[in-house]
Amino acid sequence: MSNPFVHLELSTSDAAKAKEFYTGLFGWTFEDHDMGPTGIYSTFKPESGPGGGLFSMPGMPTFWLAYVGVKDINESTEKAKSLGATIHKGPLEIPHIGWMTILADPTGATIALFEPAPPM
């Protein structure tokens, strides 16, 4: 697949409960990252397949969001728009990580695009 899923993200109302559940179910371990005023972002990496992260933010609904890898975030965002996507956010830079766009496809399904930053 030329554009694989590269990251999976969970927005949850209870990060501790979600971590306990996924650790118990799959054996995932989490690493917490202090993101300052936006709170804690916890990452996980299974033995195979894409890793991901989870966070809690007041007022956010609970949902999973899949990120698909792209070579050029601006080009892919424009292509998605030309094919009928609605852009919710982005392209946005994630400092030292890469760039992302969150969009809804023409059927209303939400998905994200991700271009990694070049290696340092």
PDB file of N, CA and C in Angstrom:
ATOM      1  N   MET A   1       0.862  -1.170   0.000  1.00  0.00           N
ATOM      2  CA  MET A   1       0.000   0.000   0.000  1.00  0.00           C
ATOM      3  C   MET A   1       0.907   1.232   0.000  1.00  0.00           C
ATOM      4  N   SER A   2       0.690   2.113  -0.940  1.00  0.00           N
ATOM      5  CA  SER A   2       1.563   3.279  -1.055  1.00  0.00           C
ATOM      6  C   SER A   2       1.351   4.307   0.050  1.00  0.00           C
ATOM      7  N   ASN A   3       0.186   4.381   0.634  1.00  0.00           N
ATOM      8  CA  ASN A   3      -0.081   5.322   1.716  1.00  0.00           C
ATOM      9  C   ASN A   3      -0.673   4.555   2.893  1.00  0.00           C
ATOM     10  N   PRO A   4       0.191   3.984   3.741  1.00  0.00           N
ATOM     11  CA  PRO A   4      -0.297   3.171   4.856  1.00  0.00           C
ATOM     12  C   PRO A   4      -0.792   4.023   6.026  1.00  0.00           C
ATOM     13  N   PHE A   5      -1.557   3.388   6.900  1.00  0.00           N
ATOM     14  CA  PHE A   5      -1.885   4.016   8.172  1.00  0.00           C
ATOM     15  C   PHE A   5      -0.581   4.098   8.962  1.00  0.00           C
ATOM     16  N   VAL A   6      -0.308   5.272   9.551  1.00  0.00           N
ATOM     17  CA  VAL A   6       0.959   5.471  10.248  1.00  0.00           C
ATOM     18  C   VAL A   6       0.793   5.826  11.724  1.00  0.00           C
ATOM     19  N   HIS A   7      -0.410   6.202  12.134  1.00  0.00           N
ATOM     20  CA  HIS A   7      -0.623   6.622  13.519  1.00  0.00           C
ATOM     21  C   HIS A   7      -2.117   6.514  13.812  1.00  0.00           C
ATOM     22  N   LEU A   8      -2.443   6.063  15.007  1.00  0.00           N
ATOM     23  CA  LEU A   8      -3.835   5.972  15.445  1.00  0.00           C
ATOM     24  C   LEU A   8      -3.947   6.756  16.741  1.00  0.00           C
ATOM     25  N   GLU A   9      -5.001   7.566  16.854  1.00  0.00           N
ATOM     26  CA  GLU A   9      -5.097   8.468  17.994  1.00  0.00           C
ATOM     27  C   GLU A   9      -6.474   8.363  18.643  1.00  0.00           C
ATOM     28  N   LEU A  10      -6.468   8.292  19.951  1.00  0.00           N
ATOM     29  CA  LEU A  10      -7.712   8.205  20.714  1.00  0.00           C
ATOM     30  C   LEU A  10      -7.918   9.472  21.524  1.00  0.00           C
ATOM     31  N   SER A  11      -9.023  10.137  21.280  1.00  0.00           N
ATOM     32  CA  SER A  11      -9.491  11.226  22.134  1.00  0.00           C
ATOM     33  C   SER A  11     -10.473  10.578  23.109  1.00  0.00           C
ATOM     34  N   THR A  12     -10.212  10.698  24.393  1.00  0.00           N
ATOM     35  CA  THR A  12     -11.037  10.023  25.380  1.00  0.00           C
ATOM     36  C   THR A  12     -11.373  10.938  26.548  1.00  0.00           C
ATOM     37  N   SER A  13     -12.496  10.686  27.180  1.00  0.00           N
ATOM     38  CA  SER A  13     -12.886  11.476  28.345  1.00  0.00           C
ATOM     39  C   SER A  13     -12.146  11.026  29.603  1.00  0.00           C
ATOM     40  N   ASP A  14     -11.507   9.844  29.565  1.00  0.00           N
ATOM     41  CA  ASP A  14     -10.817   9.317  30.740  1.00  0.00           C
ATOM     42  C   ASP A  14      -9.555   8.575  30.298  1.00  0.00           C
ATOM     43  N   ALA A  15      -8.433   9.301  30.244  1.00  0.00           N
ATOM     44  CA  ALA A  15      -7.172   8.723  29.764  1.00  0.00           C
ATOM     45  C   ALA A  15      -6.710   7.560  30.639  1.00  0.00           C
ATOM     46  N   ALA A  16      -6.804   7.694  31.947  1.00  0.00           N
ATOM     47  CA  ALA A  16      -6.345   6.625  32.853  1.00  0.00           C
ATOM     48  C   ALA A  16      -7.136   5.338  32.615  1.00  0.00           C
ATOM     49  N   LYS A  17      -8.444   5.458  32.481  1.00  0.00           N
ATOM     50  CA  LYS A  17      -9.293   4.286  32.243  1.00  0.00           C
ATOM     51  C   LYS A  17      -8.990   3.660  30.879  1.00  0.00           C
ATOM     52  N   ALA A  18      -8.771   4.492  29.861  1.00  0.00           N
ATOM     53  CA  ALA A  18      -8.444   3.984  28.523  1.00  0.00           C
ATOM     54  C   ALA A  18      -7.107   3.257  28.541  1.00  0.00           C
ATOM     55  N   LYS A  19      -6.097   3.835  29.210  1.00  0.00           N
ATOM     56  CA  LYS A  19      -4.782   3.181  29.296  1.00  0.00           C
ATOM     57  C   LYS A  19      -4.895   1.836  30.000  1.00  0.00           C
ATOM     58  N   GLU A  20      -5.650   1.797  31.081  1.00  0.00           N
ATOM     59  CA  GLU A  20      -5.844   0.540  31.821  1.00  0.00           C
ATOM     60  C   GLU A  20      -6.508  -0.511  30.919  1.00  0.00           C
ATOM     61  N   PHE A  21      -7.519  -0.111  30.169  1.00  0.00           N
ATOM     62  CA  PHE A  21      -8.223  -1.027  29.279  1.00  0.00           C
ATOM     63  C   PHE A  21      -7.302  -1.587  28.198  1.00  0.00           C
ATOM     64  N   TYR A  22      -6.596  -0.708  27.465  1.00  0.00           N
ATOM     65  CA  TYR A  22      -5.763  -1.164  26.356  1.00  0.00           C
ATOM     66  C   TYR A  22      -4.509  -1.906  26.827  1.00  0.00           C
ATOM     67  N   THR A  23      -4.016  -1.574  27.996  1.00  0.00           N
ATOM     68  CA  THR A  23      -2.911  -2.342  28.574  1.00  0.00           C
ATOM     69  C   THR A  23      -3.398  -3.746  28.917  1.00  0.00           C
ATOM     70  N   GLY A  24      -4.564  -3.842  29.535  1.00  0.00           N
ATOM     71  CA  GLY A  24      -5.122  -5.144  29.890  1.00  0.00           C
ATOM     72  C   GLY A  24      -5.495  -5.982  28.678  1.00  0.00           C
ATOM     73  N   LEU A  25      -6.063  -5.360  27.675  1.00  0.00           N
ATOM     74  CA  LEU A  25      -6.531  -6.079  26.490  1.00  0.00           C
ATOM     75  C   LEU A  25      -5.391  -6.487  25.560  1.00  0.00           C
ATOM     76  N   PHE A  26      -4.468  -5.551  25.277  1.00  0.00           N
ATOM     77  CA  PHE A  26      -3.432  -5.783  24.271  1.00  0.00           C
ATOM     78  C   PHE A  26      -2.005  -5.816  24.819  1.00  0.00           C
ATOM     79  N   GLY A  27      -1.827  -5.446  26.084  1.00  0.00           N
ATOM     80  CA  GLY A  27      -0.484  -5.383  26.644  1.00  0.00           C
ATOM     81  C   GLY A  27       0.288  -4.133  26.247  1.00  0.00           C
ATOM     82  N   TRP A  28      -0.409  -3.122  25.706  1.00  0.00           N
ATOM     83  CA  TRP A  28       0.260  -1.890  25.314  1.00  0.00           C
ATOM     84  C   TRP A  28       0.825  -1.185  26.536  1.00  0.00           C
ATOM     85  N   THR A  29       1.972  -0.554  26.363  1.00  0.00           N
ATOM     86  CA  THR A  29       2.526   0.314  27.392  1.00  0.00           C
ATOM     87  C   THR A  29       2.495   1.738  26.843  1.00  0.00           C
ATOM     88  N   PHE A  30       2.385   2.681  27.731  1.00  0.00           N
ATOM     89  CA  PHE A  30       2.220   4.079  27.347  1.00  0.00           C
ATOM     90  C   PHE A  30       3.354   4.917  27.912  1.00  0.00           C
ATOM     91  N   GLU A  31       3.756   5.914  27.132  1.00  0.00           N
ATOM     92  CA  GLU A  31       4.744   6.889  27.578  1.00  0.00           C
ATOM     93  C   GLU A  31       4.063   8.250  27.564  1.00  0.00           C
ATOM     94  N   ASP A  32       4.068   8.923  28.722  1.00  0.00           N
ATOM     95  CA  ASP A  32       3.401  10.219  28.844  1.00  0.00           C
ATOM     96  C   ASP A  32       4.341  11.353  28.443  1.00  0.00           C
ATOM     97  N   HIS A  33       3.784  12.327  27.710  1.00  0.00           N
ATOM     98  CA  HIS A  33       4.528  13.509  27.272  1.00  0.00           C
ATOM     99  C   HIS A  33       3.750  14.743  27.724  1.00  0.00           C
ATOM    100  N   ASP A  34       4.402  15.606  28.484  1.00  0.00           N
ATOM    101  CA  ASP A  34       3.761  16.838  28.950  1.00  0.00           C
ATOM    102  C   ASP A  34       3.720  17.831  27.797  1.00  0.00           C
ATOM    103  N   MET A  35       2.516  18.179  27.369  1.00  0.00           N
ATOM    104  CA  MET A  35       2.336  19.102  26.252  1.00  0.00           C
ATOM    105  C   MET A  35       1.998  20.513  26.736  1.00  0.00           C
ATOM    106  N   GLY A  36       2.342  20.804  27.981  1.00  0.00           N
ATOM    107  CA  GLY A  36       2.098  22.141  28.522  1.00  0.00           C
ATOM    108  C   GLY A  36       0.617  22.372  28.779  1.00  0.00           C
ATOM    109  N   PRO A  37       0.102  23.521  28.337  1.00  0.00           N
ATOM    110  CA  PRO A  37      -1.290  23.874  28.640  1.00  0.00           C
ATOM    111  C   PRO A  37      -2.327  22.924  28.028  1.00  0.00           C
ATOM    112  N   THR A  38      -1.952  22.171  26.988  1.00  0.00           N
ATOM    113  CA  THR A  38      -2.926  21.256  26.386  1.00  0.00           C
ATOM    114  C   THR A  38      -2.978  19.919  27.110  1.00  0.00           C
ATOM    115  N   GLY A  39      -2.088  19.688  28.086  1.00  0.00           N
ATOM    116  CA  GLY A  39      -2.168  18.481  28.904  1.00  0.00           C
ATOM    117  C   GLY A  39      -1.150  17.418  28.534  1.00  0.00           C
ATOM    118  N   ILE A  40      -1.477  16.185  28.874  1.00  0.00           N
ATOM    119  CA  ILE A  40      -0.600  15.035  28.666  1.00  0.00           C
ATOM    120  C   ILE A  40      -1.012  14.296  27.395  1.00  0.00           C
ATOM    121  N   TYR A  41      -0.027  13.959  26.573  1.00  0.00           N
ATOM    122  CA  TYR A  41      -0.249  13.127  25.393  1.00  0.00           C
ATOM    123  C   TYR A  41       0.510  11.834  25.640  1.00  0.00           C
ATOM    124  N   SER A  42      -0.199  10.714  25.631  1.00  0.00           N
ATOM    125  CA  SER A  42       0.407   9.414  25.921  1.00  0.00           C
ATOM    126  C   SER A  42       0.550   8.624  24.628  1.00  0.00           C
ATOM    127  N   THR A  43       1.771   8.154  24.349  1.00  0.00           N
ATOM    128  CA  THR A  43       2.012   7.393  23.125  1.00  0.00           C
ATOM    129  C   THR A  43       2.152   5.909  23.443  1.00  0.00           C
ATOM    130  N   PHE A  44       1.867   5.079  22.440  1.00  0.00           N
ATOM    131  CA  PHE A  44       2.031   3.634  22.556  1.00  0.00           C
ATOM    132  C   PHE A  44       2.570   3.098  21.241  1.00  0.00           C
ATOM    133  N   LYS A  45       3.252   1.961  21.285  1.00  0.00           N
ATOM    134  CA  LYS A  45       3.771   1.321  20.074  1.00  0.00           C
ATOM    135  C   LYS A  45       3.645  -0.187  20.249  1.00  0.00           C
ATOM    136  N   PRO A  46       2.702  -0.818  19.535  1.00  0.00           N
ATOM    137  CA  PRO A  46       2.590  -2.271  19.588  1.00  0.00           C
ATOM    138  C   PRO A  46       3.820  -2.936  18.950  1.00  0.00           C
ATOM    139  N   GLU A  47       3.947  -4.248  19.111  1.00  0.00           N
ATOM    140  CA  GLU A  47       5.078  -4.969  18.522  1.00  0.00           C
ATOM    141  C   GLU A  47       5.107  -4.850  17.001  1.00  0.00           C
ATOM    142  N   SER A  48       3.937  -4.738  16.371  1.00  0.00           N
ATOM    143  CA  SER A  48       3.892  -4.563  14.919  1.00  0.00           C
ATOM    144  C   SER A  48       2.767  -3.592  14.581  1.00  0.00           C
ATOM    145  N   GLY A  49       2.881  -3.011  13.407  1.00  0.00           N
ATOM    146  CA  GLY A  49       1.865  -2.066  12.974  1.00  0.00           C
ATOM    147  C   GLY A  49       2.120  -0.678  13.521  1.00  0.00           C
ATOM    148  N   PRO A  50       1.250   0.264  13.149  1.00  0.00           N
ATOM    149  CA  PRO A  50       1.458   1.643  13.584  1.00  0.00           C
ATOM    150  C   PRO A  50       1.193   1.816  15.071  1.00  0.00           C
ATOM    151  N   GLY A  51       1.892   2.750  15.654  1.00  0.00           N
ATOM    152  CA  GLY A  51       1.631   3.137  17.036  1.00  0.00           C
ATOM    153  C   GLY A  51       0.623   4.253  17.057  1.00  0.00           C
ATOM    154  N   GLY A  52       0.540   4.882  18.197  1.00  0.00           N
ATOM    155  CA  GLY A  52      -0.423   5.963  18.302  1.00  0.00           C
ATOM    156  C   GLY A  52      -0.306   6.704  19.604  1.00  0.00           C
ATOM    157  N   GLY A  53      -1.375   7.385  19.929  1.00  0.00           N
ATOM    158  CA  GLY A  53      -1.406   8.174  21.143  1.00  0.00           C
ATOM    159  C   GLY A  53      -2.824   8.373  21.624  1.00  0.00           C
ATOM    160  N   LEU A  54      -2.913   8.832  22.876  1.00  0.00           N
ATOM    161  CA  LEU A  54      -4.232   9.167  23.412  1.00  0.00           C
ATOM    162  C   LEU A  54      -4.127  10.398  24.278  1.00  0.00           C
ATOM    163  N   PHE A  55      -5.243  11.096  24.369  1.00  0.00           N
ATOM    164  CA  PHE A  55      -5.303  12.327  25.155  1.00  0.00           C
ATOM    165  C   PHE A  55      -6.722  12.560  25.633  1.00  0.00           C
ATOM    166  N   SER A  56      -6.840  13.399  26.652  1.00  0.00           N
ATOM    167  CA  SER A  56      -8.142  13.883  27.133  1.00  0.00           C
ATOM    168  C   SER A  56      -8.129  15.396  27.037  1.00  0.00           C
ATOM    169  N   MET A  57      -9.235  15.951  26.576  1.00  0.00           N
ATOM    170  CA  MET A  57      -9.368  17.395  26.494  1.00  0.00           C
ATOM    171  C   MET A  57     -10.822  17.740  26.797  1.00  0.00           C
ATOM    172  N   PRO A  58     -11.063  18.660  27.724  1.00  0.00           N
ATOM    173  CA  PRO A  58     -12.440  19.009  28.064  1.00  0.00           C
ATOM    174  C   PRO A  58     -13.258  19.380  26.826  1.00  0.00           C
ATOM    175  N   GLY A  59     -14.461  18.830  26.747  1.00  0.00           N
ATOM    176  CA  GLY A  59     -15.369  19.146  25.662  1.00  0.00           C
ATOM    177  C   GLY A  59     -15.166  18.345  24.391  1.00  0.00           C
ATOM    178  N   MET A  60     -14.095  17.542  24.332  1.00  0.00           N
ATOM    179  CA  MET A  60     -13.849  16.732  23.131  1.00  0.00           C
ATOM    180  C   MET A  60     -14.627  15.429  23.239  1.00  0.00           C
ATOM    181  N   PRO A  61     -15.224  14.990  22.141  1.00  0.00           N
ATOM    182  CA  PRO A  61     -15.898  13.689  22.158  1.00  0.00           C
ATOM    183  C   PRO A  61     -14.873  12.555  22.171  1.00  0.00           C
ATOM    184  N   THR A  62     -15.321  11.357  22.506  1.00  0.00           N
ATOM    185  CA  THR A  62     -14.467  10.181  22.464  1.00  0.00           C
ATOM    186  C   THR A  62     -14.518   9.597  21.055  1.00  0.00           C
ATOM    187  N   PHE A  63     -13.331   9.410  20.445  1.00  0.00           N
ATOM    188  CA  PHE A  63     -13.269   8.843  19.097  1.00  0.00           C
ATOM    189  C   PHE A  63     -11.850   8.400  18.790  1.00  0.00           C
ATOM    190  N   TRP A  64     -11.718   7.472  17.840  1.00  0.00           N
ATOM    191  CA  TRP A  64     -10.432   7.087  17.270  1.00  0.00           C
ATOM    192  C   TRP A  64     -10.262   7.843  15.960  1.00  0.00           C
ATOM    193  N   LEU A  65      -9.023   8.279  15.665  1.00  0.00           N
ATOM    194  CA  LEU A  65      -8.703   8.953  14.414  1.00  0.00           C
ATOM    195  C   LEU A  65      -7.498   8.257  13.795  1.00  0.00           C
ATOM    196  N   ALA A  66      -7.625   7.834  12.548  1.00  0.00           N
ATOM    197  CA  ALA A  66      -6.528   7.174  11.825  1.00  0.00           C
ATOM    198  C   ALA A  66      -5.794   8.198  10.972  1.00  0.00           C
ATOM    199  N   TYR A  67      -4.461   8.121  10.987  1.00  0.00           N
ATOM    200  CA  TYR A  67      -3.601   8.991  10.188  1.00  0.00           C
ATOM    201  C   TYR A  67      -2.981   8.171   9.060  1.00  0.00           C
ATOM    202  N   VAL A  68      -3.027   8.703   7.836  1.00  0.00           N
ATOM    203  CA  VAL A  68      -2.441   8.056   6.670  1.00  0.00           C
ATOM    204  C   VAL A  68      -1.199   8.849   6.271  1.00  0.00           C
ATOM    205  N   GLY A  69      -0.097   8.152   6.011  1.00  0.00           N
ATOM    206  CA  GLY A  69       1.144   8.808   5.637  1.00  0.00           C
ATOM    207  C   GLY A  69       1.107   9.357   4.217  1.00  0.00           C
ATOM    208  N   VAL A  70       1.619  10.574   4.044  1.00  0.00           N
ATOM    209  CA  VAL A  70       1.723  11.207   2.727  1.00  0.00           C
ATOM    210  C   VAL A  70       3.115  11.805   2.569  1.00  0.00           C
ATOM    211  N   LYS A  71       3.540  12.006   1.325  1.00  0.00           N
ATOM    212  CA  LYS A  71       4.860  12.588   1.059  1.00  0.00           C
ATOM    213  C   LYS A  71       4.857  14.110   1.146  1.00  0.00           C
ATOM    214  N   ASP A  72       3.732  14.737   0.786  1.00  0.00           N
ATOM    215  CA  ASP A  72       3.647  16.198   0.770  1.00  0.00           C
ATOM    216  C   ASP A  72       2.285  16.608   1.316  1.00  0.00           C
ATOM    217  N   ILE A  73       2.264  17.153   2.525  1.00  0.00           N
ATOM    218  CA  ILE A  73       0.997  17.478   3.202  1.00  0.00           C
ATOM    219  C   ILE A  73       0.193  18.520   2.434  1.00  0.00           C
ATOM    220  N   ASN A  74       0.862  19.529   1.884  1.00  0.00           N
ATOM    221  CA  ASN A  74       0.128  20.575   1.162  1.00  0.00           C
ATOM    222  C   ASN A  74      -0.500  20.025  -0.114  1.00  0.00           C
ATOM    223  N   GLU A  75       0.278  19.269  -0.874  1.00  0.00           N
ATOM    224  CA  GLU A  75      -0.227  18.680  -2.109  1.00  0.00           C
ATOM    225  C   GLU A  75      -1.385  17.713  -1.826  1.00  0.00           C
ATOM    226  N   SER A  76      -1.227  16.881  -0.796  1.00  0.00           N
ATOM    227  CA  SER A  76      -2.275  15.906  -0.466  1.00  0.00           C
ATOM    228  C   SER A  76      -3.534  16.573   0.060  1.00  0.00           C
ATOM    229  N   THR A  77      -3.368  17.651   0.834  1.00  0.00           N
ATOM    230  CA  THR A  77      -4.525  18.392   1.342  1.00  0.00           C
ATOM    231  C   THR A  77      -5.300  19.017   0.178  1.00  0.00           C
ATOM    232  N   GLU A  78      -4.583  19.624  -0.754  1.00  0.00           N
ATOM    233  CA  GLU A  78      -5.224  20.230  -1.930  1.00  0.00           C
ATOM    234  C   GLU A  78      -5.912  19.165  -2.781  1.00  0.00           C
ATOM    235  N   LYS A  79      -5.266  18.020  -2.954  1.00  0.00           N
ATOM    236  CA  LYS A  79      -5.866  16.938  -3.739  1.00  0.00           C
ATOM    237  C   LYS A  79      -7.152  16.447  -3.078  1.00  0.00           C
ATOM    238  N   ALA A  80      -7.108  16.301  -1.734  1.00  0.00           N
ATOM    239  CA  ALA A  80      -8.305  15.869  -1.012  1.00  0.00           C
ATOM    240  C   ALA A  80      -9.452  16.865  -1.227  1.00  0.00           C
ATOM    241  N   LYS A  81      -9.133  18.184  -1.127  1.00  0.00           N
ATOM    242  CA  LYS A  81     -10.165  19.210  -1.365  1.00  0.00           C
ATOM    243  C   LYS A  81     -10.734  19.092  -2.772  1.00  0.00           C
ATOM    244  N   SER A  82      -9.863  18.875  -3.773  1.00  0.00           N
ATOM    245  CA  SER A  82     -10.335  18.794  -5.155  1.00  0.00           C
ATOM    246  C   SER A  82     -11.220  17.569  -5.383  1.00  0.00           C
ATOM    247  N   LEU A  83     -11.083  16.564  -4.504  1.00  0.00           N
ATOM    248  CA  LEU A  83     -11.898  15.351  -4.620  1.00  0.00           C
ATOM    249  C   LEU A  83     -13.146  15.403  -3.735  1.00  0.00           C
ATOM    250  N   GLY A  84     -13.396  16.565  -3.112  1.00  0.00           N
ATOM    251  CA  GLY A  84     -14.627  16.746  -2.352  1.00  0.00           C
ATOM    252  C   GLY A  84     -14.494  16.684  -0.849  1.00  0.00           C
ATOM    253  N   ALA A  85     -13.262  16.639  -0.306  1.00  0.00           N
ATOM    254  CA  ALA A  85     -13.078  16.601   1.148  1.00  0.00           C
ATOM    255  C   ALA A  85     -13.377  17.965   1.767  1.00  0.00           C
ATOM    256  N   THR A  86     -13.787  17.935   3.019  1.00  0.00           N
ATOM    257  CA  THR A  86     -13.932  19.135   3.835  1.00  0.00           C
ATOM    258  C   THR A  86     -12.760  19.145   4.799  1.00  0.00           C
ATOM    259  N   ILE A  87     -11.965  20.202   4.780  1.00  0.00           N
ATOM    260  CA  ILE A  87     -10.798  20.293   5.653  1.00  0.00           C
ATOM    261  C   ILE A  87     -11.239  20.869   6.997  1.00  0.00           C
ATOM    262  N   HIS A  88     -11.023  20.096   8.061  1.00  0.00           N
ATOM    263  CA  HIS A  88     -11.367  20.557   9.409  1.00  0.00           C
ATOM    264  C   HIS A  88     -10.232  21.352  10.036  1.00  0.00           C
ATOM    265  N   LYS A  89      -8.992  20.845   9.905  1.00  0.00           N
ATOM    266  CA  LYS A  89      -7.812  21.523  10.448  1.00  0.00           C
ATOM    267  C   LYS A  89      -6.623  21.200   9.573  1.00  0.00           C
ATOM    268  N   GLY A  90      -5.835  22.220   9.310  1.00  0.00           N
ATOM    269  CA  GLY A  90      -4.567  21.968   8.661  1.00  0.00           C
ATOM    270  C   GLY A  90      -4.484  22.527   7.261  1.00  0.00           C
ATOM    271  N   PRO A  91      -3.287  22.314   6.735  1.00  0.00           N
ATOM    272  CA  PRO A  91      -2.163  21.640   7.354  1.00  0.00           C
ATOM    273  C   PRO A  91      -1.630  22.399   8.579  1.00  0.00           C
ATOM    274  N   LEU A  92      -1.306  21.642   9.606  1.00  0.00           N
ATOM    275  CA  LEU A  92      -0.753  22.180  10.849  1.00  0.00           C
ATOM    276  C   LEU A  92       0.588  21.524  11.122  1.00  0.00           C
ATOM    277  N   GLU A  93       1.537  22.318  11.610  1.00  0.00           N
ATOM    278  CA  GLU A  93       2.826  21.750  11.994  1.00  0.00           C
ATOM    279  C   GLU A  93       2.750  21.194  13.405  1.00  0.00           C
ATOM    280  N   ILE A  94       3.326  20.024  13.588  1.00  0.00           N
ATOM    281  CA  ILE A  94       3.536  19.439  14.911  1.00  0.00           C
ATOM    282  C   ILE A  94       5.040  19.584  15.132  1.00  0.00           C
ATOM    283  N   PRO A  95       5.476  20.546  15.947  1.00  0.00           N
ATOM    284  CA  PRO A  95       6.903  20.847  16.052  1.00  0.00           C
ATOM    285  C   PRO A  95       7.765  19.599  16.280  1.00  0.00           C
ATOM    286  N   HIS A  96       8.802  19.488  15.461  1.00  0.00           N
ATOM    287  CA  HIS A  96       9.792  18.403  15.518  1.00  0.00           C
ATOM    288  C   HIS A  96       9.230  17.037  15.132  1.00  0.00           C
ATOM    289  N   ILE A  97       7.953  16.948  14.761  1.00  0.00           N
ATOM    290  CA  ILE A  97       7.312  15.671  14.434  1.00  0.00           C
ATOM    291  C   ILE A  97       6.919  15.624  12.954  1.00  0.00           C
ATOM    292  N   GLY A  98       6.237  16.666  12.476  1.00  0.00           N
ATOM    293  CA  GLY A  98       5.777  16.680  11.090  1.00  0.00           C
ATOM    294  C   GLY A  98       4.601  17.625  10.899  1.00  0.00           C
ATOM    295  N   TRP A  99       3.730  17.285   9.939  1.00  0.00           N
ATOM    296  CA  TRP A  99       2.568  18.113   9.611  1.00  0.00           C
ATOM    297  C   TRP A  99       1.344  17.226   9.473  1.00  0.00           C
ATOM    298  N   MET A 100       0.188  17.769   9.805  1.00  0.00           N
ATOM    299  CA  MET A 100      -1.052  17.001   9.739  1.00  0.00           C
ATOM    300  C   MET A 100      -2.188  17.838   9.191  1.00  0.00           C
ATOM    301  N   THR A 101      -3.158  17.139   8.610  1.00  0.00           N
ATOM    302  CA  THR A 101      -4.424  17.724   8.191  1.00  0.00           C
ATOM    303  C   THR A 101      -5.521  16.762   8.633  1.00  0.00           C
ATOM    304  N   ILE A 102      -6.574  17.294   9.237  1.00  0.00           N
ATOM    305  CA  ILE A 102      -7.744  16.487   9.584  1.00  0.00           C
ATOM    306  C   ILE A 102      -8.847  16.893   8.620  1.00  0.00           C
ATOM    307  N   LEU A 103      -9.464  15.884   7.993  1.00  0.00           N
ATOM    308  CA  LEU A 103     -10.482  16.173   6.988  1.00  0.00           C
ATOM    309  C   LEU A 103     -11.628  15.170   7.062  1.00  0.00           C
ATOM    310  N   ALA A 104     -12.716  15.530   6.412  1.00  0.00           N
ATOM    311  CA  ALA A 104     -13.839  14.603   6.229  1.00  0.00           C
ATOM    312  C   ALA A 104     -13.905  14.283   4.746  1.00  0.00           C
ATOM    313  N   ASP A 105     -14.005  12.989   4.437  1.00  0.00           N
ATOM    314  CA  ASP A 105     -14.131  12.604   3.032  1.00  0.00           C
ATOM    315  C   ASP A 105     -15.534  12.990   2.546  1.00  0.00           C
ATOM    316  N   PRO A 106     -15.833  12.842   1.258  1.00  0.00           N
ATOM    317  CA  PRO A 106     -17.139  13.262   0.743  1.00  0.00           C
ATOM    318  C   PRO A 106     -18.328  12.538   1.383  1.00  0.00           C
ATOM    319  N   THR A 107     -18.085  11.398   2.051  1.00  0.00           N
ATOM    320  CA  THR A 107     -19.182  10.695   2.724  1.00  0.00           C
ATOM    321  C   THR A 107     -19.342  11.128   4.177  1.00  0.00           C
ATOM    322  N   GLY A 108     -18.418  11.989   4.661  1.00  0.00           N
ATOM    323  CA  GLY A 108     -18.486  12.471   6.036  1.00  0.00           C
ATOM    324  C   GLY A 108     -17.556  11.764   7.002  1.00  0.00           C
ATOM    325  N   ALA A 109     -16.830  10.736   6.555  1.00  0.00           N
ATOM    326  CA  ALA A 109     -15.904  10.019   7.436  1.00  0.00           C
ATOM    327  C   ALA A 109     -14.663  10.873   7.682  1.00  0.00           C
ATOM    328  N   THR A 110     -14.223  10.928   8.937  1.00  0.00           N
ATOM    329  CA  THR A 110     -13.055  11.711   9.310  1.00  0.00           C
ATOM    330  C   THR A 110     -11.798  10.865   9.236  1.00  0.00           C
ATOM    331  N   ILE A 111     -10.732  11.461   8.703  1.00  0.00           N
ATOM    332  CA  ILE A 111      -9.436  10.821   8.587  1.00  0.00           C
ATOM    333  C   ILE A 111      -8.387  11.939   8.634  1.00  0.00           C
ATOM    334  N   ALA A 112      -7.143  11.558   8.926  1.00  0.00           N
ATOM    335  CA  ALA A 112      -6.071  12.561   8.982  1.00  0.00           C
ATOM    336  C   ALA A 112      -4.953  12.166   8.027  1.00  0.00           C
ATOM    337  N   LEU A 113      -4.264  13.182   7.521  1.00  0.00           N
ATOM    338  CA  LEU A 113      -3.076  12.996   6.699  1.00  0.00           C
ATOM    339  C   LEU A 113      -1.868  13.376   7.545  1.00  0.00           C
ATOM    340  N   PHE A 114      -0.726  12.706   7.328  1.00  0.00           N
ATOM    341  CA  PHE A 114       0.465  13.001   8.116  1.00  0.00           C
ATOM    342  C   PHE A 114       1.715  12.922   7.247  1.00  0.00           C
ATOM    343  N   GLU A 115       2.506  13.993   7.266  1.00  0.00           N
ATOM    344  CA  GLU A 115       3.816  14.022   6.625  1.00  0.00           C
ATOM    345  C   GLU A 115       4.859  14.155   7.730  1.00  0.00           C
ATOM    346  N   PRO A 116       5.763  13.184   7.852  1.00  0.00           N
ATOM    347  CA  PRO A 116       6.772  13.286   8.915  1.00  0.00           C
ATOM    348  C   PRO A 116       7.805  14.360   8.602  1.00  0.00           C
ATOM    349  N   ALA A 117       8.375  14.938   9.658  1.00  0.00           N
ATOM    350  CA  ALA A 117       9.477  15.875   9.492  1.00  0.00           C
ATOM    351  C   ALA A 117      10.697  15.106   9.003  1.00  0.00           C
ATOM    352  N   PRO A 118      11.573  15.769   8.249  1.00  0.00           N
ATOM    353  CA  PRO A 118      12.783  15.067   7.815  1.00  0.00           C
ATOM    354  C   PRO A 118      13.632  14.686   9.025  1.00  0.00           C
ATOM    355  N   PRO A 119      14.392  13.582   8.922  1.00  0.00           N
ATOM    356  CA  PRO A 119      15.240  13.172  10.035  1.00  0.00           C
ATOM    357  C   PRO A 119      16.243  14.260  10.386  1.00  0.00           C
ATOM    358  N   MET A 120      16.542  14.376  11.644  1.00  0.00           N
ATOM    359  CA  MET A 120      17.482  15.405  12.108  1.00  0.00           C
ATOM    360  C   MET A 120      18.892  14.887  12.070  1.00  0.00           C
TER     361      MET A 120
END
